[in-house]
Each structure stands twice: as C-alpha cells, then as structure tokens.
Amino acid sequence: MLTLRGVFYPTGYMFLMFPTEQDARNAERALRGDGSNGESICLLTPTDIQEKIARTVGSADIALPSAGTEADTVRHFTELASRGHHALMIHAPSADESAHIMSVLRDAPISYGQKYRHLVIEDLVE
C-alpha cells in the first residue's frame, strides 16, 4: 500500500476520518449493518495513523519532486490524528462501491475523506 517512493497509497481504498472513536465505530457499525464485508473495513486509531502511516512520508517529496499529493494527504491525516481523529480504511475499488458507502454514511460526521484510485486521490467530502 505504498508508492515506489514508500509513501502510503492504498489503491482501491477509501480513507475516512472521524472526529471521535465513537463516530468511527458508529460508521463501521452502519456499514456492517448494510452487509459490508468485515475484512474490507479497518478501524485505525490516532496512534495507528501516527506510527504506521505518518512515517511513510519521510522526506519522499523533498528527495524527488512529485506530481502527486500523497505526502500532503498523509500529513493531513497525521494532523487530524494528533487531534484525536480516528479513521476507517474501506476497500471499495469500484465507483459504485464508493458511492454506496458514501450513501450509507451520508449523515456521519466525516472530517476528511479520500479515495485512492490509480494515479488519483479523490476528495470525498468538502
């Protein structure tokens, strides 16, 4: 789930952040109640984000110029995690799956959301 430069980039996954652990768990429960496969949803704590994802940035965008924004995206995840935000990482390779997930979570307090497609990180919330 890394780019060639070693930066976090889980192609085919949605990465949704929530202000609190309870918000993330409620969203996970809504998705599981809707029939989503348990293996396709992963809850990440702020510690998980800071220890496993944030470290992938390193100096990747300093050593080599990048046309992408993956390092900036990881930095934003890290900043939110430092404020206690939790995340759900959800495997949703198709546009239909992503749309369905966003429909199920339409009332959830998503603080930040990204969909990792081939060569493009798509904003999911404004």
N, C-alpha and C. Protein backbone atom coordinates (compact mmCIF):
# COMPACT_ATOMS: atom_id res chain seq x y z
N MET A 1 0.81 -1.19 0.00
CA MET A 1 0.00 0.00 0.00
C MET A 1 0.86 1.26 0.00
N LEU A 2 2.02 1.16 -0.65
CA LEU A 2 2.93 2.29 -0.72
C LEU A 2 3.27 2.61 -2.17
N THR A 3 3.64 3.87 -2.41
CA THR A 3 4.12 4.25 -3.74
C THR A 3 5.54 3.72 -3.88
N LEU A 4 6.12 3.90 -5.05
CA LEU A 4 7.51 3.49 -5.26
C LEU A 4 8.46 4.24 -4.35
N ARG A 5 8.07 5.44 -3.93
CA ARG A 5 8.89 6.22 -3.01
C ARG A 5 8.60 5.88 -1.55
N GLY A 6 7.68 4.95 -1.32
CA GLY A 6 7.40 4.49 0.03
C GLY A 6 6.34 5.26 0.78
N VAL A 7 5.55 6.10 0.10
CA VAL A 7 4.50 6.88 0.74
C VAL A 7 3.19 6.08 0.70
N PHE A 8 2.44 6.16 1.77
CA PHE A 8 1.14 5.49 1.90
C PHE A 8 0.24 5.83 0.71
N TYR A 9 -0.24 4.80 0.00
CA TYR A 9 -1.13 4.98 -1.14
C TYR A 9 -1.89 3.68 -1.37
N PRO A 10 -2.98 3.46 -0.61
CA PRO A 10 -3.72 2.19 -0.71
C PRO A 10 -4.74 2.21 -1.87
N THR A 11 -4.27 1.91 -3.06
CA THR A 11 -5.12 1.95 -4.24
C THR A 11 -6.37 1.08 -4.05
N GLY A 12 -7.52 1.67 -4.39
CA GLY A 12 -8.79 0.96 -4.27
C GLY A 12 -9.45 1.08 -2.91
N TYR A 13 -8.87 1.88 -2.04
CA TYR A 13 -9.41 2.06 -0.69
C TYR A 13 -9.92 3.47 -0.48
N MET A 14 -10.93 3.57 0.38
CA MET A 14 -11.40 4.86 0.89
C MET A 14 -10.78 5.01 2.27
N PHE A 15 -10.36 6.22 2.60
CA PHE A 15 -9.80 6.52 3.91
C PHE A 15 -10.64 7.65 4.47
N LEU A 16 -11.49 7.32 5.44
CA LEU A 16 -12.42 8.29 6.02
C LEU A 16 -12.05 8.56 7.47
N MET A 17 -11.94 9.84 7.81
CA MET A 17 -11.60 10.21 9.18
C MET A 17 -12.80 10.81 9.89
N PHE A 18 -12.85 10.55 11.20
CA PHE A 18 -13.97 10.97 12.04
C PHE A 18 -13.42 11.65 13.29
N PRO A 19 -14.14 12.64 13.81
CA PRO A 19 -13.65 13.39 14.98
C PRO A 19 -13.41 12.55 16.23
N THR A 20 -14.19 11.49 16.44
CA THR A 20 -14.03 10.69 17.65
C THR A 20 -14.03 9.20 17.32
N GLU A 21 -13.57 8.42 18.26
CA GLU A 21 -13.61 6.97 18.11
C GLU A 21 -15.05 6.49 17.96
N GLN A 22 -15.95 7.05 18.75
CA GLN A 22 -17.35 6.63 18.69
C GLN A 22 -17.96 6.92 17.31
N ASP A 23 -17.61 8.07 16.73
CA ASP A 23 -18.09 8.38 15.39
C ASP A 23 -17.62 7.33 14.38
N ALA A 24 -16.36 6.95 14.48
CA ALA A 24 -15.80 5.94 13.56
C ALA A 24 -16.48 4.59 13.78
N ARG A 25 -16.67 4.22 15.04
CA ARG A 25 -17.32 2.94 15.34
C ARG A 25 -18.78 2.93 14.87
N ASN A 26 -19.47 4.06 15.03
CA ASN A 26 -20.85 4.15 14.53
C ASN A 26 -20.90 3.98 13.02
N ALA A 27 -19.95 4.59 12.32
CA ALA A 27 -19.89 4.46 10.86
C ALA A 27 -19.58 3.01 10.48
N GLU A 28 -18.66 2.40 11.19
CA GLU A 28 -18.33 0.99 10.92
C GLU A 28 -19.56 0.10 11.14
N ARG A 29 -20.28 0.35 12.21
CA ARG A 29 -21.49 -0.42 12.52
C ARG A 29 -22.55 -0.23 11.42
N ALA A 30 -22.70 0.99 10.93
CA ALA A 30 -23.67 1.26 9.85
C ALA A 30 -23.28 0.49 8.59
N LEU A 31 -21.99 0.46 8.28
CA LEU A 31 -21.54 -0.27 7.09
C LEU A 31 -21.71 -1.78 7.26
N ARG A 32 -21.38 -2.29 8.44
CA ARG A 32 -21.54 -3.73 8.67
C ARG A 32 -23.03 -4.11 8.66
N GLY A 33 -23.88 -3.25 9.17
CA GLY A 33 -25.32 -3.50 9.16
C GLY A 33 -25.90 -3.46 7.76
N ASP A 34 -25.16 -2.82 6.86
CA ASP A 34 -25.59 -2.74 5.48
C ASP A 34 -25.05 -3.91 4.65
N GLY A 35 -24.35 -4.83 5.31
CA GLY A 35 -23.85 -6.02 4.62
C GLY A 35 -22.43 -5.92 4.12
N SER A 36 -21.69 -4.88 4.50
CA SER A 36 -20.30 -4.77 4.06
C SER A 36 -19.48 -5.90 4.68
N ASN A 37 -18.56 -6.41 3.94
CA ASN A 37 -17.70 -7.50 4.38
C ASN A 37 -16.75 -7.00 5.48
N GLY A 38 -16.68 -7.71 6.59
CA GLY A 38 -15.83 -7.33 7.72
C GLY A 38 -14.37 -7.20 7.37
N GLU A 39 -13.91 -7.98 6.40
CA GLU A 39 -12.50 -7.92 6.02
C GLU A 39 -12.18 -6.65 5.24
N SER A 40 -13.19 -5.97 4.76
CA SER A 40 -12.94 -4.80 3.93
C SER A 40 -12.95 -3.48 4.71
N ILE A 41 -13.16 -3.54 6.03
CA ILE A 41 -13.20 -2.35 6.86
C ILE A 41 -12.16 -2.48 7.97
N CYS A 42 -11.33 -1.46 8.11
CA CYS A 42 -10.30 -1.47 9.15
C CYS A 42 -10.37 -0.16 9.93
N LEU A 43 -10.53 -0.27 11.25
CA LEU A 43 -10.54 0.90 12.12
C LEU A 43 -9.09 1.25 12.49
N LEU A 44 -8.73 2.51 12.33
CA LEU A 44 -7.39 2.98 12.68
C LEU A 44 -7.49 4.04 13.76
N THR A 45 -6.73 3.85 14.82
CA THR A 45 -6.68 4.81 15.90
C THR A 45 -5.69 5.92 15.55
N PRO A 46 -5.71 7.03 16.30
CA PRO A 46 -4.70 8.06 16.06
C PRO A 46 -3.27 7.51 16.17
N THR A 47 -3.05 6.62 17.10
CA THR A 47 -1.72 6.01 17.25
C THR A 47 -1.35 5.20 16.01
N ASP A 48 -2.29 4.41 15.49
CA ASP A 48 -2.03 3.65 14.26
C ASP A 48 -1.61 4.60 13.14
N ILE A 49 -2.35 5.68 12.98
CA ILE A 49 -2.08 6.63 11.90
C ILE A 49 -0.71 7.26 12.07
N GLN A 50 -0.38 7.66 13.29
CA GLN A 50 0.89 8.32 13.53
C GLN A 50 2.08 7.35 13.45
N GLU A 51 1.89 6.12 13.90
CA GLU A 51 3.01 5.18 13.90
C GLU A 51 3.20 4.44 12.58
N LYS A 52 2.11 4.15 11.87
CA LYS A 52 2.22 3.32 10.68
C LYS A 52 2.09 4.08 9.37
N ILE A 53 1.32 5.14 9.35
CA ILE A 53 1.07 5.84 8.10
C ILE A 53 1.93 7.10 8.00
N ALA A 54 1.99 7.90 9.05
CA ALA A 54 2.75 9.15 9.01
C ALA A 54 4.22 8.92 8.68
N ARG A 55 4.79 7.87 9.18
CA ARG A 55 6.21 7.61 8.96
C ARG A 55 6.55 7.30 7.50
N THR A 56 5.52 7.00 6.69
CA THR A 56 5.79 6.68 5.29
C THR A 56 6.19 7.91 4.48
N VAL A 57 5.90 9.10 4.98
CA VAL A 57 6.22 10.31 4.24
C VAL A 57 7.72 10.57 4.24
N GLY A 58 8.33 10.54 5.42
CA GLY A 58 9.76 10.82 5.50
C GLY A 58 10.10 12.08 4.73
N SER A 59 11.08 11.97 3.86
CA SER A 59 11.46 13.11 3.01
C SER A 59 11.19 12.79 1.55
N ALA A 60 10.20 11.94 1.29
CA ALA A 60 9.91 11.48 -0.06
C ALA A 60 9.72 12.62 -1.05
N ASP A 61 8.98 13.66 -0.65
CA ASP A 61 8.73 14.74 -1.60
C ASP A 61 9.85 15.77 -1.63
N ILE A 62 10.83 15.62 -0.75
CA ILE A 62 11.99 16.50 -0.78
C ILE A 62 13.06 15.90 -1.69
N ALA A 63 13.26 14.58 -1.55
CA ALA A 63 14.28 13.90 -2.33
C ALA A 63 13.96 13.87 -3.82
N LEU A 64 12.69 13.65 -4.15
CA LEU A 64 12.27 13.59 -5.55
C LEU A 64 11.03 14.45 -5.73
N PRO A 65 11.00 15.27 -6.76
CA PRO A 65 9.78 16.05 -6.99
C PRO A 65 8.61 15.12 -7.28
N SER A 66 7.42 15.52 -6.86
CA SER A 66 6.24 14.69 -7.05
C SER A 66 5.14 15.47 -7.73
N ALA A 67 4.51 14.82 -8.71
CA ALA A 67 3.35 15.44 -9.33
C ALA A 67 2.10 15.19 -8.51
N GLY A 68 2.17 14.27 -7.54
CA GLY A 68 1.02 13.88 -6.73
C GLY A 68 0.97 14.63 -5.42
N THR A 69 -0.07 14.33 -4.66
CA THR A 69 -0.26 14.99 -3.37
C THR A 69 -0.27 13.98 -2.23
N GLU A 70 0.21 12.75 -2.47
CA GLU A 70 0.10 11.72 -1.45
C GLU A 70 0.80 12.10 -0.14
N ALA A 71 1.94 12.77 -0.19
CA ALA A 71 2.63 13.16 1.04
C ALA A 71 1.81 14.21 1.80
N ASP A 72 1.25 15.18 1.09
CA ASP A 72 0.40 16.19 1.74
C ASP A 72 -0.83 15.56 2.36
N THR A 73 -1.40 14.58 1.67
CA THR A 73 -2.58 13.89 2.19
C THR A 73 -2.24 13.17 3.48
N VAL A 74 -1.12 12.47 3.51
CA VAL A 74 -0.69 11.77 4.73
C VAL A 74 -0.44 12.77 5.85
N ARG A 75 0.13 13.90 5.54
CA ARG A 75 0.35 14.93 6.57
C ARG A 75 -0.98 15.42 7.14
N HIS A 76 -1.99 15.54 6.29
CA HIS A 76 -3.31 15.97 6.78
C HIS A 76 -3.90 14.89 7.69
N PHE A 77 -3.79 13.62 7.31
CA PHE A 77 -4.25 12.53 8.19
C PHE A 77 -3.56 12.63 9.54
N THR A 78 -2.26 12.87 9.51
CA THR A 78 -1.47 12.92 10.74
C THR A 78 -1.90 14.09 11.62
N GLU A 79 -2.16 15.23 10.99
CA GLU A 79 -2.58 16.40 11.75
C GLU A 79 -3.92 16.14 12.44
N LEU A 80 -4.86 15.52 11.72
CA LEU A 80 -6.14 15.19 12.33
C LEU A 80 -5.98 14.15 13.43
N ALA A 81 -5.13 13.16 13.21
CA ALA A 81 -4.89 12.13 14.23
C ALA A 81 -4.30 12.76 15.49
N SER A 82 -3.47 13.78 15.33
CA SER A 82 -2.89 14.44 16.51
C SER A 82 -3.97 15.14 17.34
N ARG A 83 -5.14 15.38 16.72
CA ARG A 83 -6.28 15.98 17.44
C ARG A 83 -7.29 14.92 17.87
N GLY A 84 -6.92 13.64 17.75
CA GLY A 84 -7.77 12.56 18.25
C GLY A 84 -8.69 11.92 17.23
N HIS A 85 -8.60 12.31 15.97
CA HIS A 85 -9.46 11.72 14.95
C HIS A 85 -9.08 10.27 14.68
N HIS A 86 -10.09 9.46 14.44
CA HIS A 86 -9.93 8.05 14.09
C HIS A 86 -10.29 7.89 12.61
N ALA A 87 -9.93 6.75 12.02
CA ALA A 87 -10.20 6.55 10.60
C ALA A 87 -10.75 5.16 10.33
N LEU A 88 -11.47 5.06 9.24
CA LEU A 88 -11.86 3.77 8.67
C LEU A 88 -11.20 3.69 7.31
N MET A 89 -10.54 2.58 7.05
CA MET A 89 -9.99 2.30 5.74
C MET A 89 -10.86 1.20 5.15
N ILE A 90 -11.49 1.50 4.02
CA ILE A 90 -12.51 0.62 3.46
C ILE A 90 -12.15 0.26 2.03
N HIS A 91 -12.08 -1.03 1.75
CA HIS A 91 -11.79 -1.46 0.38
C HIS A 91 -13.03 -1.25 -0.47
N ALA A 92 -12.90 -0.42 -1.47
CA ALA A 92 -14.03 -0.08 -2.36
C ALA A 92 -13.46 0.25 -3.74
N PRO A 93 -13.03 -0.76 -4.48
CA PRO A 93 -12.35 -0.49 -5.74
C PRO A 93 -13.21 0.14 -6.83
N SER A 94 -14.51 -0.08 -6.81
CA SER A 94 -15.34 0.48 -7.88
C SER A 94 -16.01 1.79 -7.45
N ALA A 95 -16.37 2.58 -8.44
CA ALA A 95 -17.08 3.83 -8.17
C ALA A 95 -18.44 3.55 -7.53
N ASP A 96 -19.09 2.47 -7.94
CA ASP A 96 -20.39 2.11 -7.36
C ASP A 96 -20.26 1.79 -5.88
N GLU A 97 -19.20 1.05 -5.51
CA GLU A 97 -18.99 0.73 -4.09
C GLU A 97 -18.74 2.00 -3.29
N SER A 98 -17.93 2.90 -3.81
CA SER A 98 -17.65 4.16 -3.12
C SER A 98 -18.92 4.97 -2.94
N ALA A 99 -19.72 5.06 -3.99
CA ALA A 99 -20.98 5.81 -3.90
C ALA A 99 -21.91 5.19 -2.88
N HIS A 100 -21.98 3.87 -2.85
CA HIS A 100 -22.84 3.19 -1.88
C HIS A 100 -22.38 3.49 -0.45
N ILE A 101 -21.09 3.41 -0.21
CA ILE A 101 -20.55 3.67 1.14
C ILE A 101 -20.86 5.11 1.55
N MET A 102 -20.66 6.05 0.64
CA MET A 102 -20.95 7.45 0.97
C MET A 102 -22.44 7.66 1.20
N SER A 103 -23.27 6.89 0.53
CA SER A 103 -24.71 6.97 0.75
C SER A 103 -25.07 6.47 2.15
N VAL A 104 -24.50 5.34 2.54
CA VAL A 104 -24.75 4.78 3.88
C VAL A 104 -24.28 5.76 4.94
N LEU A 105 -23.17 6.44 4.69
CA LEU A 105 -22.57 7.34 5.69
C LEU A 105 -22.94 8.81 5.47
N ARG A 106 -23.98 9.08 4.71
CA ARG A 106 -24.31 10.47 4.34
C ARG A 106 -24.52 11.37 5.55
N ASP A 107 -24.97 10.83 6.69
CA ASP A 107 -25.18 11.66 7.88
C ASP A 107 -24.05 11.53 8.90
N ALA A 108 -23.03 10.77 8.58
CA ALA A 108 -21.91 10.58 9.50
C ALA A 108 -21.02 11.83 9.51
N PRO A 109 -20.42 12.14 10.66
CA PRO A 109 -19.57 13.34 10.75
C PRO A 109 -18.16 13.06 10.22
N ILE A 110 -18.04 12.89 8.92
CA ILE A 110 -16.73 12.61 8.31
C ILE A 110 -15.94 13.92 8.30
N SER A 111 -14.78 13.91 8.92
CA SER A 111 -13.96 15.12 8.97
C SER A 111 -13.07 15.26 7.75
N TYR A 112 -12.73 14.13 7.13
CA TYR A 112 -11.87 14.16 5.94
C TYR A 112 -12.02 12.82 5.25
N GLY A 113 -12.10 12.82 3.94
CA GLY A 113 -12.27 11.57 3.22
C GLY A 113 -11.56 11.59 1.88
N GLN A 114 -10.88 10.49 1.59
CA GLN A 114 -10.16 10.34 0.35
C GLN A 114 -10.42 8.96 -0.24
N LYS A 115 -10.41 8.88 -1.56
CA LYS A 115 -10.50 7.61 -2.27
C LYS A 115 -9.23 7.50 -3.10
N TYR A 116 -8.48 6.44 -2.89
CA TYR A 116 -7.24 6.21 -3.62
C TYR A 116 -7.51 5.40 -4.87
N ARG A 117 -7.49 6.08 -6.01
CA ARG A 117 -7.66 5.41 -7.29
C ARG A 117 -6.28 5.33 -7.95
N HIS A 118 -6.20 4.60 -9.03
CA HIS A 118 -4.93 4.54 -9.76
C HIS A 118 -4.56 5.94 -10.21
N LEU A 119 -3.44 6.44 -9.75
CA LEU A 119 -2.87 7.72 -10.13
C LEU A 119 -3.61 8.96 -9.65
N VAL A 120 -4.72 8.80 -8.93
CA VAL A 120 -5.51 9.96 -8.49
C VAL A 120 -6.03 9.73 -7.07
N ILE A 121 -5.89 10.74 -6.22
CA ILE A 121 -6.54 10.73 -4.91
C ILE A 121 -7.77 11.63 -5.05
N GLU A 122 -8.92 11.05 -4.81
CA GLU A 122 -10.20 11.76 -4.98
C GLU A 122 -10.74 12.25 -3.65
N ASP A 123 -11.05 13.54 -3.55
CA ASP A 123 -11.69 14.09 -2.35
C ASP A 123 -13.11 13.56 -2.27
N LEU A 124 -13.50 13.11 -1.06
CA LEU A 124 -14.85 12.57 -0.88
C LEU A 124 -15.77 13.50 -0.12
N VAL A 125 -15.21 14.41 0.64
CA VAL A 125 -16.01 15.40 1.38
C VAL A 125 -15.41 16.77 1.14
N GLU A 126 -16.23 17.76 1.27
CA GLU A 126 -15.75 19.14 1.05
C GLU A 126 -15.59 19.86 2.35
